[in-house]
C-alpha atoms as a PDB file:
ATOM      1  CA  MET A   1      20.847  14.078  26.105  1.00  0.00           C
ATOM      2  CA  LYS A   2      17.635  14.574  24.188  1.00  0.00           C
ATOM      3  CA  SER A   3      17.582  13.894  20.464  1.00  0.00           C
ATOM      4  CA  LEU A   4      16.336  16.472  17.965  1.00  0.00           C
ATOM      5  CA  ARG A   5      13.230  14.358  17.466  1.00  0.00           C
ATOM      6  CA  ASP A   6      12.470  14.436  21.200  1.00  0.00           C
ATOM      7  CA  ASN A   7      12.638  18.216  21.152  1.00  0.00           C
ATOM      8  CA  GLY A   8      10.360  18.456  18.149  1.00  0.00           C
ATOM      9  CA  VAL A   9      12.982  20.484  16.293  1.00  0.00           C
ATOM     10  CA  LEU A  10      13.153  18.044  13.392  1.00  0.00           C
ATOM     11  CA  ILE A  11       9.383  18.116  13.032  1.00  0.00           C
ATOM     12  CA  GLY A  12       9.244  21.898  13.108  1.00  0.00           C
ATOM     13  CA  ILE A  13      12.036  22.280  10.563  1.00  0.00           C
ATOM     14  CA  SER A  14      10.508  19.688   8.256  1.00  0.00           C
ATOM     15  CA  LEU A  15       7.063  21.271   8.335  1.00  0.00           C
ATOM     16  CA  ALA A  16       8.541  24.723   7.801  1.00  0.00           C
ATOM     17  CA  LEU A  17      10.375  23.411   4.755  1.00  0.00           C
ATOM     18  CA  LEU A  18       7.266  21.583   3.584  1.00  0.00           C
ATOM     19  CA  ALA A  19       5.172  24.740   3.893  1.00  0.00           C
ATOM     20  CA  ALA A  20       7.825  27.065   2.502  1.00  0.00           C
ATOM     21  CA  GLY A  21       9.366  24.782  -0.096  1.00  0.00           C
ATOM     22  CA  PRO A  22      10.964  26.048  -3.261  1.00  0.00           C
ATOM     23  CA  ASN A  23       8.777  28.090  -5.574  1.00  0.00           C
ATOM     24  CA  ILE A  24       8.235  25.285  -8.101  1.00  0.00           C
ATOM     25  CA  PRO A  25       5.286  25.795 -10.421  1.00  0.00           C
ATOM     26  CA  SER A  26       2.703  23.051 -10.176  1.00  0.00           C
ATOM     27  CA  LYS A  27       1.695  21.082 -13.256  1.00  0.00           C
ATOM     28  CA  LYS A  28      -1.731  22.689 -13.038  1.00  0.00           C
ATOM     29  CA  PRO A  29      -2.297  26.308 -12.068  1.00  0.00           C
ATOM     30  CA  ASN A  30      -2.776  26.644  -8.353  1.00  0.00           C
ATOM     31  CA  ALA A  31      -4.605  29.366  -6.491  1.00  0.00           C
ATOM     32  CA  ARG A  32      -1.821  29.528  -3.887  1.00  0.00           C
ATOM     33  CA  ALA A  33      -0.876  32.847  -2.387  1.00  0.00           C
ATOM     34  CA  ASP A  34       2.894  33.156  -2.879  1.00  0.00           C
ATOM     35  CA  LYS A  35       4.869  35.741  -0.958  1.00  0.00           C
ATOM     36  CA  GLY A  36       8.474  35.958  -2.033  1.00  0.00           C
ATOM     37  CA  GLY A  37       8.570  32.287  -2.948  1.00  0.00           C
ATOM     38  CA  ILE A  38       7.053  31.152   0.352  1.00  0.00           C
ATOM     39  CA  VAL A  39       3.556  29.712   0.344  1.00  0.00           C
ATOM     40  CA  ASP A  40       1.188  31.451   2.722  1.00  0.00           C
ATOM     41  CA  THR A  41      -0.608  28.332   3.973  1.00  0.00           C
ATOM     42  CA  THR A  42      -3.319  30.405   5.596  1.00  0.00           C
ATOM     43  CA  LYS A  43      -4.520  31.237   2.072  1.00  0.00           C
ATOM     44  CA  ALA A  44      -3.472  28.047   0.272  1.00  0.00           C
ATOM     45  CA  LYS A  45      -6.112  26.555  -2.024  1.00  0.00           C
ATOM     46  CA  PRO A  46      -4.690  23.167  -2.994  1.00  0.00           C
ATOM     47  CA  PHE A  47      -6.406  21.610  -6.010  1.00  0.00           C
ATOM     48  CA  GLY A  48      -8.449  24.837  -6.219  1.00  0.00           C
ATOM     49  CA  LEU A  49     -10.481  23.803  -3.163  1.00  0.00           C
ATOM     50  CA  SER A  50     -12.243  26.329  -0.978  1.00  0.00           C
ATOM     51  CA  GLU A  51     -11.688  26.113   2.773  1.00  0.00           C
ATOM     52  CA  THR A  52     -15.035  24.304   3.121  1.00  0.00           C
ATOM     53  CA  GLU A  53     -14.193  21.844   0.330  1.00  0.00           C
ATOM     54  CA  LEU A  54     -10.777  21.130   1.843  1.00  0.00           C
ATOM     55  CA  LYS A  55     -12.489  20.104   5.090  1.00  0.00           C
ATOM     56  CA  LYS A  56     -14.223  17.309   3.087  1.00  0.00           C
ATOM     57  CA  ALA A  57     -10.967  16.039   1.546  1.00  0.00           C
ATOM     58  CA  LYS A  58      -9.012  13.005   2.736  1.00  0.00           C
ATOM     59  CA  LEU A  59      -5.602  11.458   2.150  1.00  0.00           C
ATOM     60  CA  PHE A  60      -4.369   8.076   3.143  1.00  0.00           C
ATOM     61  CA  LEU A  61      -1.145   6.136   2.966  1.00  0.00           C
ATOM     62  CA  ALA A  62      -1.256   2.386   3.434  1.00  0.00           C
ATOM     63  CA  GLY A  63       1.435  -0.285   3.494  1.00  0.00           C
ATOM     64  CA  TYR A  64       0.813  -3.874   2.419  1.00  0.00           C
ATOM     65  CA  SER A  65       3.165  -6.799   2.925  1.00  0.00           C
ATOM     66  CA  PRO A  66       3.579  -9.446   0.193  1.00  0.00           C
ATOM     67  CA  LYS A  67       3.225 -12.123   2.889  1.00  0.00           C
ATOM     68  CA  THR A  68      -0.090 -13.946   2.945  1.00  0.00           C
ATOM     69  CA  GLY A  69      -2.145 -13.103   6.026  1.00  0.00           C
ATOM     70  CA  ALA A  70      -0.116 -10.036   6.956  1.00  0.00           C
ATOM     71  CA  GLY A  71      -1.918  -7.085   8.464  1.00  0.00           C
ATOM     72  CA  VAL A  72      -2.541  -3.662   7.013  1.00  0.00           C
ATOM     73  CA  GLU A  73      -1.089  -0.340   8.157  1.00  0.00           C
ATOM     74  CA  ARG A  74      -2.724   2.944   7.229  1.00  0.00           C
ATOM     75  CA  ILE A  75      -2.426   6.663   7.971  1.00  0.00           C
ATOM     76  CA  GLU A  76      -5.533   8.714   7.241  1.00  0.00           C
ATOM     77  CA  ILE A  77      -5.408  12.516   7.202  1.00  0.00           C
ATOM     78  CA  PHE A  78      -8.651  14.432   6.852  1.00  0.00           C
ATOM     79  CA  GLY A  79      -9.094  18.023   5.704  1.00  0.00           C
ATOM     80  CA  THR A  80     -10.432  18.769   9.182  1.00  0.00           C
ATOM     81  CA  GLY A  81      -6.992  18.010  10.644  1.00  0.00           C
ATOM     82  CA  GLU A  82      -7.999  14.654  12.094  1.00  0.00           C
ATOM     83  CA  VAL A  83      -5.270  12.015  11.808  1.00  0.00           C
ATOM     84  CA  ARG A  84      -5.892   8.303  12.254  1.00  0.00           C
ATOM     85  CA  LEU A  85      -3.207   5.658  12.595  1.00  0.00           C
ATOM     86  CA  ILE A  86      -4.719   2.251  11.859  1.00  0.00           C
ATOM     87  CA  ARG A  87      -3.130  -1.192  11.937  1.00  0.00           C
ATOM     88  CA  THR A  88      -4.017  -4.842  12.054  1.00  0.00           C
ATOM     89  CA  ILE A  89      -1.478  -7.369  13.298  1.00  0.00           C
ATOM     90  CA  ASN A  90      -2.683  -9.950  10.770  1.00  0.00           C
ATOM     91  CA  TYR A  91      -5.436 -10.463   8.237  1.00  0.00           C
ATOM     92  CA  GLU A  92      -8.000 -11.625  10.809  1.00  0.00           C
ATOM     93  CA  ALA A  93      -7.103  -9.297  13.680  1.00  0.00           C
ATOM     94  CA  PRO A  94      -9.317  -6.339  14.603  1.00  0.00           C
ATOM     95  CA  GLU A  95      -8.157  -2.844  13.726  1.00  0.00           C
ATOM     96  CA  GLU A  96      -6.222  -0.861  16.310  1.00  0.00           C
ATOM     97  CA  THR A  97      -6.642   2.900  15.939  1.00  0.00           C
ATOM     98  CA  VAL A  98      -4.918   5.984  17.337  1.00  0.00           C
ATOM     99  CA  THR A  99      -6.604   9.330  16.658  1.00  0.00           C
ATOM    100  CA  ALA A 100      -4.881  12.714  16.834  1.00  0.00           C
ATOM    101  CA  LYS A 101      -5.135  16.223  15.352  1.00  0.00           C
ATOM    102  CA  VAL A 102      -2.948  18.584  13.291  1.00  0.00           C
ATOM    103  CA  LYS A 103      -3.350  22.260  12.389  1.00  0.00           C
ATOM    104  CA  ASP A 104      -5.488  23.289   9.408  1.00  0.00           C
ATOM    105  CA  ALA A 105      -2.542  25.168   7.869  1.00  0.00           C
ATOM    106  CA  ASP A 106      -0.417  22.000   8.001  1.00  0.00           C
ATOM    107  CA  VAL A 107      -3.151  20.013   6.241  1.00  0.00           C
ATOM    108  CA  ALA A 108      -3.381  22.708   3.548  1.00  0.00           C
ATOM    109  CA  ALA A 109       0.425  22.601   3.151  1.00  0.00           C
ATOM    110  CA  LEU A 110       0.351  18.813   2.719  1.00  0.00           C
ATOM    111  CA  PHE A 111      -2.424  18.972   0.123  1.00  0.00           C
ATOM    112  CA  SER A 112      -0.505  21.763  -1.673  1.00  0.00           C
ATOM    113  CA  LEU A 113       2.585  19.547  -1.726  1.00  0.00           C
ATOM    114  CA  MET A 114       0.523  16.684  -3.186  1.00  0.00           C
ATOM    115  CA  GLU A 115      -0.640  19.006  -5.946  1.00  0.00           C
ATOM    116  CA  ALA A 116       2.842  20.435  -6.600  1.00  0.00           C
ATOM    117  CA  GLU A 117       4.303  16.913  -6.830  1.00  0.00           C
ATOM    118  CA  GLY A 118       1.722  16.068  -9.505  1.00  0.00           C
ATOM    119  CA  PHE A 119      -0.247  13.392  -7.673  1.00  0.00           C
ATOM    120  CA  LEU A 120      -3.128  13.605 -10.148  1.00  0.00           C
ATOM    121  CA  THR A 121      -0.730  12.887 -13.035  1.00  0.00           C
ATOM    122  CA  LEU A 122       0.802   9.730 -11.534  1.00  0.00           C
ATOM    123  CA  GLU A 123      -0.016   6.348 -13.030  1.00  0.00           C
ATOM    124  CA  TYR A 124      -2.412   4.013 -11.227  1.00  0.00           C
ATOM    125  CA  GLU A 125       0.260   1.406 -10.480  1.00  0.00           C
ATOM    126  CA  TYR A 126       4.035   1.009 -10.339  1.00  0.00           C
ATOM    127  CA  LYS A 127       4.576  -2.755 -10.059  1.00  0.00           C
ATOM    128  CA  ASP A 128       7.795  -4.702  -9.500  1.00  0.00           C
ATOM    129  CA  LYS A 129       8.031  -7.921 -11.526  1.00  0.00           C
ATOM    130  CA  SER A 130       9.360  -9.926  -8.556  1.00  0.00           C
ATOM    131  CA  ASN A 131       6.179  -9.342  -6.518  1.00  0.00           C
ATOM    132  CA  HIS A 132       8.241  -9.611  -3.304  1.00  0.00           C
ATOM    133  CA  SER A 133       8.141  -5.977  -2.335  1.00  0.00           C
ATOM    134  CA  LEU A 134       6.279  -3.990   0.262  1.00  0.00           C
ATOM    135  CA  ARG A 135       3.495  -2.178  -1.562  1.00  0.00           C
ATOM    136  CA  SER A 136       2.418   1.347  -0.696  1.00  0.00           C
ATOM    137  CA  HIS A 137      -0.896   2.932  -1.580  1.00  0.00           C
ATOM    138  CA  ILE A 138      -1.729   6.629  -1.525  1.00  0.00           C
ATOM    139  CA  SER A 139      -5.330   7.667  -2.023  1.00  0.00           C
ATOM    140  CA  LEU A 140      -6.637  11.211  -2.363  1.00  0.00           C
ATOM    141  CA  THR A 141     -10.346  11.902  -1.979  1.00  0.00           C
ATOM    142  CA  LEU A 142     -11.618  15.306  -3.091  1.00  0.00           C
ATOM    143  CA  PRO A 143     -15.222  16.495  -3.413  1.00  0.00           C
ATOM    144  CA  SER A 144     -14.850  15.934  -7.182  1.00  0.00           C
ATOM    145  CA  GLY A 145     -13.652  12.317  -6.944  1.00  0.00           C
ATOM    146  CA  GLU A 146     -10.965   9.920  -5.774  1.00  0.00           C
ATOM    147  CA  LYS A 147      -7.549   8.905  -7.116  1.00  0.00           C
ATOM    148  CA  SER A 148      -5.420   6.001  -5.918  1.00  0.00           C
ATOM    149  CA  VAL A 149      -1.821   5.155  -6.731  1.00  0.00           C
ATOM    150  CA  TYR A 150      -0.174   1.846  -5.816  1.00  0.00           C
ATOM    151  CA  ALA A 151       3.609   1.453  -5.862  1.00  0.00           C
ATOM    152  CA  ASP A 152       5.942  -1.366  -4.969  1.00  0.00           C
ATOM    153  CA  VAL A 153       8.565   0.238  -2.757  1.00  0.00           C
ATOM    154  CA  VAL A 154      11.510  -0.883  -4.919  1.00  0.00           C
ATOM    155  CA  ILE A 155      10.280   0.984  -8.024  1.00  0.00           C
ATOM    156  CA  ALA A 156       8.143   3.813  -6.654  1.00  0.00           C
ATOM    157  CA  PRO A 157       8.838   7.109  -8.442  1.00  0.00           C
ATOM    158  CA  PRO A 158      10.641   9.780  -6.389  1.00  0.00           C
ATOM    159  CA  GLU A 159       7.606  12.069  -6.206  1.00  0.00           C
ATOM    160  CA  PHE A 160       5.522   9.189  -4.796  1.00  0.00           C
ATOM    161  CA  ASN A 161       8.166   8.614  -2.109  1.00  0.00           C
ATOM    162  CA  ARG A 162       8.277  12.331  -1.253  1.00  0.00           C
ATOM    163  CA  MET A 163       4.484  12.392  -0.854  1.00  0.00           C
ATOM    164  CA  ALA A 164       4.510   9.239   1.300  1.00  0.00           C
ATOM    165  CA  GLY A 165       7.264  10.707   3.481  1.00  0.00           C
ATOM    166  CA  SER A 166       5.355  13.974   3.869  1.00  0.00           C
ATOM    167  CA  ILE A 167       2.210  12.121   4.921  1.00  0.00           C
ATOM    168  CA  LYS A 168       4.217  10.208   7.525  1.00  0.00           C
ATOM    169  CA  MET A 169       5.916  13.383   8.741  1.00  0.00           C
ATOM    170  CA  LEU A 170       2.641  15.232   9.218  1.00  0.00           C
ATOM    171  CA  ALA A 171       1.132  12.208  10.986  1.00  0.00           C
ATOM    172  CA  ALA A 172       4.186  12.119  13.270  1.00  0.00           C
ATOM    173  CA  THR A 173       3.520  15.706  14.352  1.00  0.00           C
ATOM    174  CA  ALA A 174       0.125  14.498  15.559  1.00  0.00           C
ATOM    175  CA  SER A 175       1.392  11.295  17.149  1.00  0.00           C
ATOM    176  CA  PRO A 176       5.048  10.419  17.727  1.00  0.00           C
ATOM    177  CA  LEU A 177       4.044   6.735  17.596  1.00  0.00           C
ATOM    178  CA  VAL A 178       4.747   6.963  13.852  1.00  0.00           C
ATOM    179  CA  TYR A 179       8.493   7.080  14.634  1.00  0.00           C
ATOM    180  CA  ASN A 180      10.774   4.079  15.069  1.00  0.00           C
ATOM    181  CA  HIS A 181       8.102   1.458  14.410  1.00  0.00           C
ATOM    182  CA  GLN A 182       6.352   2.177  17.695  1.00  0.00           C
ATOM    183  CA  PHE A 183       2.917   1.627  16.121  1.00  0.00           C
ATOM    184  CA  PHE A 184       3.578   0.457  12.568  1.00  0.00           C
ATOM    185  CA  PHE A 185       5.846  -2.457  11.645  1.00  0.00           C
ATOM    186  CA  ARG A 186       6.416  -1.530   7.980  1.00  0.00           C
ATOM    187  CA  LEU A 187       5.221   2.030   7.289  1.00  0.00           C
END
């Protein structure tokens, strides 16, 4: 019997919810086109970006282990829809990369979610005092500049975790290797 994930149902439902989402006002005015509480992602203008400017934008999610010499794992999503899964097995190992593609509307929905969750208002760092936690890093590059947020997994704010999960979910629609630690060990 096939699982929901195998059928792609879970992915489709999640992206539909991500794109539709509740009609929550963003912390900054957004030029989104709302229709009855559902975002029309074909006209979404996250962060006030034009379609051309969105193509130049980039998001990435990286995971870092507290162990010395551990490798790096990173998901990069470009405004063009290109998705890159990148990992190194250890500090000295060469990068392994998987490249895939997602729809423009899905990229716009993800960037809209990042805006609605208040990414630009998050602090630079959320650090655990024990220093024994997996650390996540989300970086957003827009034509106007770049913002990075680092969070130790044990104390990351809920909105950070929602954004990280959404990045992983969109990357999984491009490449199912994101699931079940098929490509990444920690992310």
